[in-house]
C-alpha atoms as a PDB file:
ATOM      1  CA  UNK A   1      12.587  -4.429 -28.778  1.00  0.00           C
ATOM      2  CA  UNK A   2      14.170  -1.158 -27.547  1.00  0.00           C
ATOM      3  CA  UNK A   3      13.525   0.482 -24.227  1.00  0.00           C
ATOM      4  CA  UNK A   4      10.276   2.376 -23.752  1.00  0.00           C
ATOM      5  CA  UNK A   5      10.291   5.781 -22.113  1.00  0.00           C
ATOM      6  CA  UNK A   6       7.532   5.866 -19.493  1.00  0.00           C
ATOM      7  CA  UNK A   7       4.856   8.538 -19.740  1.00  0.00           C
ATOM      8  CA  UNK A   8       2.815   9.945 -16.867  1.00  0.00           C
ATOM      9  CA  UNK A   9       0.370   7.224 -15.829  1.00  0.00           C
ATOM     10  CA  UNK A  10       2.510   4.286 -16.946  1.00  0.00           C
ATOM     11  CA  UNK A  11       3.472   1.439 -14.629  1.00  0.00           C
ATOM     12  CA  UNK A  12       5.255  -1.873 -15.047  1.00  0.00           C
ATOM     13  CA  UNK A  13       1.913  -3.791 -15.094  1.00  0.00           C
ATOM     14  CA  UNK A  14       0.371  -1.435 -17.675  1.00  0.00           C
ATOM     15  CA  UNK A  15       3.434  -1.558 -19.954  1.00  0.00           C
ATOM     16  CA  UNK A  16       3.544  -5.345 -19.609  1.00  0.00           C
ATOM     17  CA  UNK A  17      -0.139  -5.624 -20.525  1.00  0.00           C
ATOM     18  CA  UNK A  18       0.282  -3.330 -23.532  1.00  0.00           C
ATOM     19  CA  UNK A  19       3.221  -5.390 -24.813  1.00  0.00           C
ATOM     20  CA  UNK A  20       1.942  -8.916 -24.148  1.00  0.00           C
ATOM     21  CA  UNK A  21       4.019  -9.784 -21.062  1.00  0.00           C
ATOM     22  CA  UNK A  22       3.396 -10.649 -17.441  1.00  0.00           C
ATOM     23  CA  UNK A  23       4.525  -7.754 -15.242  1.00  0.00           C
ATOM     24  CA  UNK A  24       7.011  -9.979 -13.396  1.00  0.00           C
ATOM     25  CA  UNK A  25       8.813 -10.643 -16.698  1.00  0.00           C
ATOM     26  CA  UNK A  26       9.602  -6.947 -17.041  1.00  0.00           C
ATOM     27  CA  UNK A  27      10.212  -6.225 -13.363  1.00  0.00           C
ATOM     28  CA  UNK A  28      12.647  -9.114 -12.875  1.00  0.00           C
ATOM     29  CA  UNK A  29      14.486  -8.749 -16.189  1.00  0.00           C
ATOM     30  CA  UNK A  30      18.201  -8.047 -15.800  1.00  0.00           C
ATOM     31  CA  UNK A  31      17.994  -5.044 -18.138  1.00  0.00           C
ATOM     32  CA  UNK A  32      15.571  -3.425 -15.670  1.00  0.00           C
ATOM     33  CA  UNK A  33      17.583  -4.222 -12.522  1.00  0.00           C
ATOM     34  CA  UNK A  34      18.717  -0.623 -11.976  1.00  0.00           C
ATOM     35  CA  UNK A  35      15.171   0.679 -12.444  1.00  0.00           C
ATOM     36  CA  UNK A  36      13.821  -1.937 -10.001  1.00  0.00           C
ATOM     37  CA  UNK A  37      16.413  -0.946  -7.391  1.00  0.00           C
ATOM     38  CA  UNK A  38      15.585   2.723  -7.837  1.00  0.00           C
ATOM     39  CA  UNK A  39      11.774   2.590  -7.883  1.00  0.00           C
ATOM     40  CA  UNK A  40      11.206  -0.485  -5.644  1.00  0.00           C
ATOM     41  CA  UNK A  41       7.481  -0.590  -6.493  1.00  0.00           C
ATOM     42  CA  UNK A  42       6.389  -1.820  -9.965  1.00  0.00           C
ATOM     43  CA  UNK A  43       3.246   0.291  -9.783  1.00  0.00           C
ATOM     44  CA  UNK A  44       5.137   3.573  -9.457  1.00  0.00           C
ATOM     45  CA  UNK A  45       7.222   4.956 -12.293  1.00  0.00           C
ATOM     46  CA  UNK A  46       8.282   8.499 -13.065  1.00  0.00           C
ATOM     47  CA  UNK A  47       7.759  10.118 -16.438  1.00  0.00           C
ATOM     48  CA  UNK A  48      11.030   9.625 -18.334  1.00  0.00           C
ATOM     49  CA  UNK A  49      11.964   6.278 -16.725  1.00  0.00           C
ATOM     50  CA  UNK A  50      13.273   3.817 -19.329  1.00  0.00           C
ATOM     51  CA  UNK A  51      11.840   0.289 -19.279  1.00  0.00           C
ATOM     52  CA  UNK A  52      13.341  -2.556 -21.293  1.00  0.00           C
ATOM     53  CA  UNK A  53      10.698  -4.634 -23.107  1.00  0.00           C
ATOM     54  CA  UNK A  54      11.983  -8.093 -24.153  1.00  0.00           C
ATOM     55  CA  UNK A  55      10.826  -9.780 -27.329  1.00  0.00           C
ATOM     56  CA  UNK A  56       7.834 -12.063 -26.976  1.00  0.00           C
ATOM     57  CA  UNK A  57       8.560 -15.782 -26.788  1.00  0.00           C
ATOM     58  CA  UNK A  58       6.111 -18.381 -28.072  1.00  0.00           C
ATOM     59  CA  UNK A  59       5.366 -21.261 -25.735  1.00  0.00           C
ATOM     60  CA  UNK A  60       4.276 -24.629 -27.088  1.00  0.00           C
ATOM     61  CA  UNK A  61       2.108 -27.131 -25.211  1.00  0.00           C
ATOM     62  CA  UNK A  62       1.458 -30.743 -26.265  1.00  0.00           C
ATOM     63  CA  UNK A  63      -2.146 -31.854 -25.771  1.00  0.00           C
ATOM     64  CA  UNK A  64      -4.460 -34.506 -27.186  1.00  0.00           C
ATOM     65  CA  UNK A  65      -6.354 -33.487 -30.331  1.00  0.00           C
ATOM     66  CA  UNK A  66      -9.737 -34.877 -29.281  1.00  0.00           C
ATOM     67  CA  UNK A  67      -9.999 -33.293 -25.836  1.00  0.00           C
ATOM     68  CA  UNK A  68     -10.959 -29.881 -24.557  1.00  0.00           C
ATOM     69  CA  UNK A  69      -8.213 -28.023 -22.717  1.00  0.00           C
ATOM     70  CA  UNK A  70      -8.346 -24.936 -20.510  1.00  0.00           C
ATOM     71  CA  UNK A  71      -5.360 -22.580 -20.355  1.00  0.00           C
ATOM     72  CA  UNK A  72      -5.311 -20.031 -17.573  1.00  0.00           C
ATOM     73  CA  UNK A  73      -3.278 -16.866 -17.963  1.00  0.00           C
ATOM     74  CA  UNK A  74      -1.494 -16.001 -14.721  1.00  0.00           C
ATOM     75  CA  UNK A  75      -0.705 -12.550 -13.412  1.00  0.00           C
ATOM     76  CA  UNK A  76      -3.811 -10.653 -14.525  1.00  0.00           C
ATOM     77  CA  UNK A  77      -5.961  -8.844 -13.680  1.00  0.00           C
ATOM     78  CA  UNK A  78      -4.657  -6.286 -11.194  1.00  0.00           C
ATOM     79  CA  UNK A  79      -6.646  -5.151  -8.164  1.00  0.00           C
ATOM     80  CA  UNK A  80      -7.788  -1.660  -7.167  1.00  0.00           C
ATOM     81  CA  UNK A  81      -7.923  -1.130  -3.384  1.00  0.00           C
ATOM     82  CA  UNK A  82      -9.393   1.950  -1.697  1.00  0.00           C
ATOM     83  CA  UNK A  83     -10.517   2.897   1.802  1.00  0.00           C
ATOM     84  CA  UNK A  84     -12.765   5.897   2.391  1.00  0.00           C
ATOM     85  CA  UNK A  85     -13.195   7.961   5.538  1.00  0.00           C
ATOM     86  CA  UNK A  86     -15.520  10.778   6.561  1.00  0.00           C
ATOM     87  CA  UNK A  87     -14.442  12.963   9.504  1.00  0.00           C
ATOM     88  CA  UNK A  88     -11.926  10.305  10.481  1.00  0.00           C
ATOM     89  CA  UNK A  89     -14.428   7.440  10.490  1.00  0.00           C
ATOM     90  CA  UNK A  90     -14.728   4.683   7.836  1.00  0.00           C
ATOM     91  CA  UNK A  91     -17.602   5.158   5.403  1.00  0.00           C
ATOM     92  CA  UNK A  92     -19.316   1.895   6.204  1.00  0.00           C
ATOM     93  CA  UNK A  93     -21.444  -0.016   3.672  1.00  0.00           C
ATOM     94  CA  UNK A  94     -22.099   2.997   1.427  1.00  0.00           C
ATOM     95  CA  UNK A  95     -23.342   2.132  -2.092  1.00  0.00           C
ATOM     96  CA  UNK A  96     -21.149   3.291  -4.961  1.00  0.00           C
ATOM     97  CA  UNK A  97     -20.803   3.312  -8.723  1.00  0.00           C
ATOM     98  CA  UNK A  98     -17.271   2.783  -9.985  1.00  0.00           C
ATOM     99  CA  UNK A  99     -16.552   3.973 -13.516  1.00  0.00           C
ATOM    100  CA  UNK A 100     -13.277   2.697 -14.980  1.00  0.00           C
ATOM    101  CA  UNK A 101     -12.345   3.247 -18.624  1.00  0.00           C
ATOM    102  CA  UNK A 102     -16.036   3.659 -19.450  1.00  0.00           C
ATOM    103  CA  UNK A 103     -17.214   0.514 -17.638  1.00  0.00           C
ATOM    104  CA  UNK A 104     -19.678   0.900 -14.728  1.00  0.00           C
ATOM    105  CA  UNK A 105     -19.427  -1.324 -11.642  1.00  0.00           C
ATOM    106  CA  UNK A 106     -21.870  -1.077  -8.723  1.00  0.00           C
ATOM    107  CA  UNK A 107     -21.331  -2.254  -5.172  1.00  0.00           C
ATOM    108  CA  UNK A 108     -21.099  -1.305  -1.508  1.00  0.00           C
ATOM    109  CA  UNK A 109     -18.128  -0.346   0.612  1.00  0.00           C
ATOM    110  CA  UNK A 110     -17.494  -2.910   3.338  1.00  0.00           C
ATOM    111  CA  UNK A 111     -17.712  -2.342   7.092  1.00  0.00           C
ATOM    112  CA  UNK A 112     -14.270  -0.699   7.107  1.00  0.00           C
ATOM    113  CA  UNK A 113     -15.067   1.631   4.222  1.00  0.00           C
ATOM    114  CA  UNK A 114     -12.959  -0.484   1.851  1.00  0.00           C
ATOM    115  CA  UNK A 115     -13.435  -1.236  -1.824  1.00  0.00           C
ATOM    116  CA  UNK A 116     -11.567  -3.913  -3.788  1.00  0.00           C
ATOM    117  CA  UNK A 117     -12.073  -4.486  -7.498  1.00  0.00           C
ATOM    118  CA  UNK A 118     -10.204  -6.511 -10.102  1.00  0.00           C
ATOM    119  CA  UNK A 119      -9.128  -4.328 -13.042  1.00  0.00           C
ATOM    120  CA  UNK A 120      -7.059  -4.687 -16.230  1.00  0.00           C
ATOM    121  CA  UNK A 121      -3.382  -3.860 -15.518  1.00  0.00           C
ATOM    122  CA  UNK A 122      -3.453  -1.052 -18.096  1.00  0.00           C
ATOM    123  CA  UNK A 123      -6.591   0.610 -16.723  1.00  0.00           C
ATOM    124  CA  UNK A 124      -6.071   4.388 -16.561  1.00  0.00           C
ATOM    125  CA  UNK A 125      -8.875   5.318 -14.168  1.00  0.00           C
ATOM    126  CA  UNK A 126     -12.257   7.004 -14.050  1.00  0.00           C
ATOM    127  CA  UNK A 127     -14.313   7.990 -11.022  1.00  0.00           C
ATOM    128  CA  UNK A 128     -16.013   6.747  -7.872  1.00  0.00           C
ATOM    129  CA  UNK A 129     -19.571   8.023  -7.448  1.00  0.00           C
ATOM    130  CA  UNK A 130     -21.172   8.164  -4.002  1.00  0.00           C
ATOM    131  CA  UNK A 131     -24.442   9.502  -2.612  1.00  0.00           C
ATOM    132  CA  UNK A 132     -26.315   8.654  -5.773  1.00  0.00           C
ATOM    133  CA  UNK A 133     -23.856  10.558  -7.945  1.00  0.00           C
ATOM    134  CA  UNK A 134     -23.869  13.723  -5.822  1.00  0.00           C
ATOM    135  CA  UNK A 135     -20.269  13.053  -4.763  1.00  0.00           C
ATOM    136  CA  UNK A 136     -17.723  12.145  -7.438  1.00  0.00           C
ATOM    137  CA  UNK A 137     -14.130  11.233  -6.638  1.00  0.00           C
ATOM    138  CA  UNK A 138     -11.748  11.195  -9.645  1.00  0.00           C
ATOM    139  CA  UNK A 139      -9.492   8.136  -9.935  1.00  0.00           C
ATOM    140  CA  UNK A 140      -6.169   8.182 -11.772  1.00  0.00           C
ATOM    141  CA  UNK A 141      -4.277   4.895 -11.861  1.00  0.00           C
ATOM    142  CA  UNK A 142      -0.528   4.788 -12.349  1.00  0.00           C
ATOM    143  CA  UNK A 143      -0.121   8.496 -11.644  1.00  0.00           C
ATOM    144  CA  UNK A 144       1.265   8.149  -8.097  1.00  0.00           C
ATOM    145  CA  UNK A 145       4.957   9.045  -8.134  1.00  0.00           C
ATOM    146  CA  UNK A 146       7.490   7.119  -5.990  1.00  0.00           C
ATOM    147  CA  UNK A 147       7.788   8.300  -2.405  1.00  0.00           C
ATOM    148  CA  UNK A 148      11.501   8.996  -2.962  1.00  0.00           C
ATOM    149  CA  UNK A 149      10.393  11.948  -5.112  1.00  0.00           C
ATOM    150  CA  UNK A 150       9.106  15.136  -3.438  1.00  0.00           C
ATOM    151  CA  UNK A 151       6.200  15.083  -5.900  1.00  0.00           C
ATOM    152  CA  UNK A 152       5.280  11.599  -4.613  1.00  0.00           C
ATOM    153  CA  UNK A 153       5.349  12.833  -1.018  1.00  0.00           C
ATOM    154  CA  UNK A 154       3.110  15.772  -1.890  1.00  0.00           C
ATOM    155  CA  UNK A 155       0.675  13.514  -3.754  1.00  0.00           C
ATOM    156  CA  UNK A 156       0.327  11.284  -0.701  1.00  0.00           C
ATOM    157  CA  UNK A 157      -0.141  14.234   1.655  1.00  0.00           C
ATOM    158  CA  UNK A 158      -2.824  15.721  -0.574  1.00  0.00           C
ATOM    159  CA  UNK A 159      -4.592  12.355  -0.865  1.00  0.00           C
ATOM    160  CA  UNK A 160      -4.598  12.006   2.935  1.00  0.00           C
ATOM    161  CA  UNK A 161      -6.104  15.475   3.390  1.00  0.00           C
ATOM    162  CA  UNK A 162      -2.935  17.399   4.301  1.00  0.00           C
ATOM    163  CA  UNK A 163      -3.083  20.099   1.664  1.00  0.00           C
ATOM    164  CA  UNK A 164       0.297  21.041   0.251  1.00  0.00           C
ATOM    165  CA  UNK A 165      -0.701  22.553  -3.080  1.00  0.00           C
ATOM    166  CA  UNK A 166       0.900  21.745  -6.413  1.00  0.00           C
ATOM    167  CA  UNK A 167       2.478  18.320  -6.732  1.00  0.00           C
ATOM    168  CA  UNK A 168       5.832  19.401  -8.138  1.00  0.00           C
ATOM    169  CA  UNK A 169       9.289  18.485  -6.827  1.00  0.00           C
ATOM    170  CA  UNK A 170       9.699  21.540  -4.580  1.00  0.00           C
ATOM    171  CA  UNK A 171       9.363  21.208  -0.818  1.00  0.00           C
ATOM    172  CA  UNK A 172       7.923  24.706  -0.378  1.00  0.00           C
ATOM    173  CA  UNK A 173       6.489  26.378   2.716  1.00  0.00           C
ATOM    174  CA  UNK A 174       2.989  24.989   2.113  1.00  0.00           C
ATOM    175  CA  UNK A 175       4.368  21.450   1.785  1.00  0.00           C
ATOM    176  CA  UNK A 176       6.427  21.873   4.970  1.00  0.00           C
ATOM    177  CA  UNK A 177       3.332  23.086   6.821  1.00  0.00           C
ATOM    178  CA  UNK A 178       1.446  20.017   5.575  1.00  0.00           C
ATOM    179  CA  UNK A 179       4.284  17.795   6.779  1.00  0.00           C
ATOM    180  CA  UNK A 180       4.156  19.426  10.214  1.00  0.00           C
ATOM    181  CA  UNK A 181       0.409  18.818  10.384  1.00  0.00           C
ATOM    182  CA  UNK A 182       0.921  15.176   9.394  1.00  0.00           C
ATOM    183  CA  UNK A 183       3.716  14.796  11.958  1.00  0.00           C
ATOM    184  CA  UNK A 184       1.625  16.359  14.719  1.00  0.00           C
ATOM    185  CA  UNK A 185      -1.300  14.054  14.032  1.00  0.00           C
ATOM    186  CA  UNK A 186       0.905  10.968  14.200  1.00  0.00           C
ATOM    187  CA  UNK A 187       2.981  12.131  17.174  1.00  0.00           C
ATOM    188  CA  UNK A 188       6.207  12.570  15.246  1.00  0.00           C
ATOM    189  CA  UNK A 189       8.756  15.393  15.739  1.00  0.00           C
ATOM    190  CA  UNK A 190       7.213  18.431  14.031  1.00  0.00           C
ATOM    191  CA  UNK A 191      10.183  19.397  11.875  1.00  0.00           C
ATOM    192  CA  UNK A 192       8.394  20.013   8.591  1.00  0.00           C
ATOM    193  CA  UNK A 193      11.106  17.911   6.963  1.00  0.00           C
ATOM    194  CA  UNK A 194      10.875  14.485   5.378  1.00  0.00           C
ATOM    195  CA  UNK A 195      12.895  12.526   7.924  1.00  0.00           C
ATOM    196  CA  UNK A 196      13.069   8.729   7.981  1.00  0.00           C
ATOM    197  CA  UNK A 197      10.283   8.293  10.570  1.00  0.00           C
ATOM    198  CA  UNK A 198       7.909  10.604   8.669  1.00  0.00           C
ATOM    199  CA  UNK A 199       8.638   8.895   5.353  1.00  0.00           C
ATOM    200  CA  UNK A 200       8.079   5.460   6.900  1.00  0.00           C
ATOM    201  CA  UNK A 201       4.749   6.491   8.435  1.00  0.00           C
ATOM    202  CA  UNK A 202       3.588   8.172   5.231  1.00  0.00           C
ATOM    203  CA  UNK A 203       4.466   5.143   3.162  1.00  0.00           C
ATOM    204  CA  UNK A 204       2.710   2.791   5.601  1.00  0.00           C
ATOM    205  CA  UNK A 205      -0.480   4.845   5.315  1.00  0.00           C
ATOM    206  CA  UNK A 206      -0.224   5.371   1.556  1.00  0.00           C
ATOM    207  CA  UNK A 207       2.021   2.757  -0.160  1.00  0.00           C
END
């Protein structure tokens, strides 16, 4: 099978699911070694990245004919993790409705404002509804660019509430102002530039 060119929203797990593989099979394949070294995170690809998809291999198992056997597929599903804050404080125990690819899931945030939900690896997203549907937060899965890209930095800043405008690959004045605000809040040198300490802190808060 030839290489697949990633589209916006693709990830190694979603491409693996779509093509009948475990994500580790793709991520650890020698043909994808350069991509793995460049992106570092299987959940974050850029549009235009090329991913090698190996041919499927059939696996045979010998079992008795008169017994019932259970086969467990490893590596799926994936897990969605979120943490919500309001005015800097965790949104504790709030009820929610999670809509993902048309499926509705109800629950409550935990005491730290966290939500964890198993999802199919190729899930594209939906929305999180709070306050009885009066507050709706869009969810896009696989659309977070790598932090080594300026667009990925701007996405993370926007998600954390440091508004830097359009999420292109230009570190413009608005993005630099957002970086300064982020640096000030976390007691980093307020350079407005993406230095190593700022990148490390940003990635720790938003992998």
